[in-house]
Amino acid sequence: MSEALSQEVAPFGIKVTMIEPGTFATDFASSAVFTAHRQDAYGPLYGALAEMGASSQAPGPEGVGGAILQIVDAEEPPLRVFFGEQPTRWIPGVYQQRLETWAQWAHVSKAAEGK
């Protein structure tokens, strides 16, 4: 949706940037995750979040504000930007998988075009 939005508002000089953050040292995995009624079905997720918070050596979020201001002030800001180390490690594999899937299903796309 953000990519479509960026194309729709570009003629008006409006730029869109999707910020895709990795893990930062916040209280997300602990005190910020609150549920009034814990659901047993989500037990593995609760455990994974607790483990992630306990073992994480993630950087603090202090530099995020300055980085966002750099993007806002840029003449040509990027459509996407990754914050933190995690996305830069796993995003190339995600994109490679997408390219492979698109190639695998190209015949369906062509059939939809009537070719």
C-alpha atoms as a PDB file:
ATOM      1  CA  MET A   1       0.000   0.000   0.000  1.00  0.00           C
ATOM      2  CA  SER A   2       2.843   2.381   0.762  1.00  0.00           C
ATOM      3  CA  GLU A   3       4.404   1.787  -2.650  1.00  0.00           C
ATOM      4  CA  ALA A   4       1.072   2.502  -4.342  1.00  0.00           C
ATOM      5  CA  LEU A   5       0.663   5.617  -2.186  1.00  0.00           C
ATOM      6  CA  SER A   6       4.122   6.837  -3.189  1.00  0.00           C
ATOM      7  CA  GLN A   7       3.187   6.552  -6.874  1.00  0.00           C
ATOM      8  CA  GLU A   8      -0.175   8.263  -6.375  1.00  0.00           C
ATOM      9  CA  VAL A   9       1.200  11.280  -4.507  1.00  0.00           C
ATOM     10  CA  ALA A  10       4.449  11.706  -6.482  1.00  0.00           C
ATOM     11  CA  PRO A  11       2.861  14.129  -9.014  1.00  0.00           C
ATOM     12  CA  PHE A  12       2.114  16.433  -6.061  1.00  0.00           C
ATOM     13  CA  GLY A  13       5.743  16.450  -4.911  1.00  0.00           C
ATOM     14  CA  ILE A  14       4.989  14.250  -1.917  1.00  0.00           C
ATOM     15  CA  LYS A  15       7.576  11.622  -1.025  1.00  0.00           C
ATOM     16  CA  VAL A  16       6.860   8.422   0.889  1.00  0.00           C
ATOM     17  CA  THR A  17       9.451   6.461   2.837  1.00  0.00           C
ATOM     18  CA  MET A  18       8.785   3.129   4.498  1.00  0.00           C
ATOM     19  CA  ILE A  19      10.929   2.684   7.586  1.00  0.00           C
ATOM     20  CA  GLU A  20      11.547  -0.990   8.269  1.00  0.00           C
ATOM     21  CA  PRO A  21      13.178  -1.305  11.690  1.00  0.00           C
ATOM     22  CA  GLY A  22      14.963  -4.238  13.177  1.00  0.00           C
ATOM     23  CA  THR A  23      15.206  -4.947  16.880  1.00  0.00           C
ATOM     24  CA  PHE A  24      16.056  -2.113  19.226  1.00  0.00           C
ATOM     25  CA  ALA A  25      16.557  -2.225  22.979  1.00  0.00           C
ATOM     26  CA  THR A  26      13.110  -1.158  24.171  1.00  0.00           C
ATOM     27  CA  ASP A  27      10.526  -2.651  26.525  1.00  0.00           C
ATOM     28  CA  PHE A  28       8.562  -4.149  23.634  1.00  0.00           C
ATOM     29  CA  ALA A  29       9.289  -7.740  24.579  1.00  0.00           C
ATOM     30  CA  SER A  30       8.628  -7.247  28.273  1.00  0.00           C
ATOM     31  CA  SER A  31       6.591  -4.593  30.025  1.00  0.00           C
ATOM     32  CA  ALA A  32       5.171  -3.108  26.818  1.00  0.00           C
ATOM     33  CA  VAL A  33       3.555  -6.417  25.862  1.00  0.00           C
ATOM     34  CA  PHE A  34       0.518  -6.575  28.105  1.00  0.00           C
ATOM     35  CA  THR A  35      -2.555  -8.696  27.716  1.00  0.00           C
ATOM     36  CA  ALA A  36      -5.494  -8.607  30.089  1.00  0.00           C
ATOM     37  CA  HIS A  37      -6.175 -12.312  29.546  1.00  0.00           C
ATOM     38  CA  ARG A  38      -3.247 -14.429  28.430  1.00  0.00           C
ATOM     39  CA  GLN A  39      -4.231 -16.925  25.796  1.00  0.00           C
ATOM     40  CA  ASP A  40      -2.604 -20.360  26.025  1.00  0.00           C
ATOM     41  CA  ALA A  41      -2.509 -20.629  22.227  1.00  0.00           C
ATOM     42  CA  TYR A  42       0.030 -17.790  22.181  1.00  0.00           C
ATOM     43  CA  GLY A  43       2.329 -19.419  24.749  1.00  0.00           C
ATOM     44  CA  PRO A  44       5.170 -20.029  22.253  1.00  0.00           C
ATOM     45  CA  LEU A  45       4.999 -16.412  21.112  1.00  0.00           C
ATOM     46  CA  TYR A  46       5.132 -15.098  24.690  1.00  0.00           C
ATOM     47  CA  GLY A  47       8.153 -17.334  25.320  1.00  0.00           C
ATOM     48  CA  ALA A  48       9.924 -16.214  22.146  1.00  0.00           C
ATOM     49  CA  LEU A  49       9.368 -12.549  22.992  1.00  0.00           C
ATOM     50  CA  ALA A  50      10.667 -13.056  26.529  1.00  0.00           C
ATOM     51  CA  GLU A  51      13.750 -14.892  25.221  1.00  0.00           C
ATOM     52  CA  MET A  52      14.365 -12.227  22.604  1.00  0.00           C
ATOM     53  CA  GLY A  53      14.245  -9.504  25.245  1.00  0.00           C
ATOM     54  CA  ALA A  54      16.524 -11.387  27.625  1.00  0.00           C
ATOM     55  CA  SER A  55      19.198 -12.302  25.088  1.00  0.00           C
ATOM     56  CA  SER A  56      19.051  -9.224  22.883  1.00  0.00           C
ATOM     57  CA  GLN A  57      22.124  -7.063  22.507  1.00  0.00           C
ATOM     58  CA  ALA A  58      20.220  -4.659  20.287  1.00  0.00           C
ATOM     59  CA  PRO A  59      21.188  -1.003  20.063  1.00  0.00           C
ATOM     60  CA  GLY A  60      19.095   1.617  21.771  1.00  0.00           C
ATOM     61  CA  PRO A  61      16.662   3.729  19.753  1.00  0.00           C
ATOM     62  CA  GLU A  62      18.538   6.992  20.386  1.00  0.00           C
ATOM     63  CA  GLY A  63      19.755   7.454  16.796  1.00  0.00           C
ATOM     64  CA  VAL A  64      16.401   6.808  15.148  1.00  0.00           C
ATOM     65  CA  GLY A  65      15.105  10.366  15.435  1.00  0.00           C
ATOM     66  CA  GLY A  66      18.185  11.852  13.794  1.00  0.00           C
ATOM     67  CA  ALA A  67      18.069   9.254  11.030  1.00  0.00           C
ATOM     68  CA  ILE A  68      14.410  10.028  10.313  1.00  0.00           C
ATOM     69  CA  LEU A  69      15.201  13.757  10.144  1.00  0.00           C
ATOM     70  CA  GLN A  70      17.940  13.039   7.576  1.00  0.00           C
ATOM     71  CA  ILE A  71      15.374  11.214   5.441  1.00  0.00           C
ATOM     72  CA  VAL A  72      12.792  13.995   5.845  1.00  0.00           C
ATOM     73  CA  ASP A  73      15.360  16.620   4.796  1.00  0.00           C
ATOM     74  CA  ALA A  74      16.633  14.642   1.782  1.00  0.00           C
ATOM     75  CA  GLU A  75      15.936  15.932  -1.742  1.00  0.00           C
ATOM     76  CA  GLU A  76      15.268  12.388  -2.934  1.00  0.00           C
ATOM     77  CA  PRO A  77      14.484  10.215   0.092  1.00  0.00           C
ATOM     78  CA  PRO A  78      14.474   6.453  -0.367  1.00  0.00           C
ATOM     79  CA  LEU A  79      11.225   4.555  -0.784  1.00  0.00           C
ATOM     80  CA  ARG A  80      12.506   2.059   1.800  1.00  0.00           C
ATOM     81  CA  VAL A  81      15.068   2.330   4.541  1.00  0.00           C
ATOM     82  CA  PHE A  82      16.143  -0.302   7.034  1.00  0.00           C
ATOM     83  CA  PHE A  83      17.108   0.608  10.579  1.00  0.00           C
ATOM     84  CA  GLY A  84      19.302  -1.727  12.581  1.00  0.00           C
ATOM     85  CA  GLU A  85      21.458  -4.675  11.628  1.00  0.00           C
ATOM     86  CA  GLN A  86      18.786  -7.392  11.445  1.00  0.00           C
ATOM     87  CA  PRO A  87      16.939  -6.231   8.328  1.00  0.00           C
ATOM     88  CA  THR A  88      20.157  -5.782   6.381  1.00  0.00           C
ATOM     89  CA  ARG A  89      20.976  -9.434   7.100  1.00  0.00           C
ATOM     90  CA  TRP A  90      17.637 -11.054   6.252  1.00  0.00           C
ATOM     91  CA  ILE A  91      16.016  -8.728   3.682  1.00  0.00           C
ATOM     92  CA  PRO A  92      18.274  -9.798   0.754  1.00  0.00           C
ATOM     93  CA  GLY A  93      17.084 -13.390   1.252  1.00  0.00           C
ATOM     94  CA  VAL A  94      13.456 -12.246   1.410  1.00  0.00           C
ATOM     95  CA  TYR A  95      13.819 -10.359  -1.864  1.00  0.00           C
ATOM     96  CA  GLN A  96      15.592 -13.282  -3.497  1.00  0.00           C
ATOM     97  CA  GLN A  97      12.719 -15.530  -2.468  1.00  0.00           C
ATOM     98  CA  ARG A  98      10.208 -13.059  -3.922  1.00  0.00           C
ATOM     99  CA  LEU A  99      12.072 -12.947  -7.229  1.00  0.00           C
ATOM    100  CA  GLU A 100      12.132 -16.736  -7.374  1.00  0.00           C
ATOM    101  CA  THR A 101       8.412 -16.937  -6.607  1.00  0.00           C
ATOM    102  CA  TRP A 102       7.575 -14.348  -9.277  1.00  0.00           C
ATOM    103  CA  ALA A 103       9.649 -16.271 -11.821  1.00  0.00           C
ATOM    104  CA  GLN A 104       7.959 -19.532 -10.823  1.00  0.00           C
ATOM    105  CA  TRP A 105       4.501 -17.990 -11.322  1.00  0.00           C
ATOM    106  CA  ALA A 106       5.286 -15.868 -14.397  1.00  0.00           C
ATOM    107  CA  HIS A 107       3.220 -18.181 -16.593  1.00  0.00           C
ATOM    108  CA  VAL A 108       0.141 -17.416 -14.481  1.00  0.00           C
ATOM    109  CA  SER A 109       0.745 -13.656 -14.825  1.00  0.00           C
ATOM    110  CA  LYS A 110       1.033 -14.028 -18.599  1.00  0.00           C
ATOM    111  CA  ALA A 111      -2.144 -16.111 -18.698  1.00  0.00           C
ATOM    112  CA  ALA A 112      -3.977 -13.383 -16.792  1.00  0.00           C
ATOM    113  CA  GLU A 113      -2.863 -10.906 -19.452  1.00  0.00           C
ATOM    114  CA  GLY A 114      -4.284 -13.179 -22.135  1.00  0.00           C
ATOM    115  CA  LYS A 115      -0.892 -14.208 -23.492  1.00  0.00           C
END
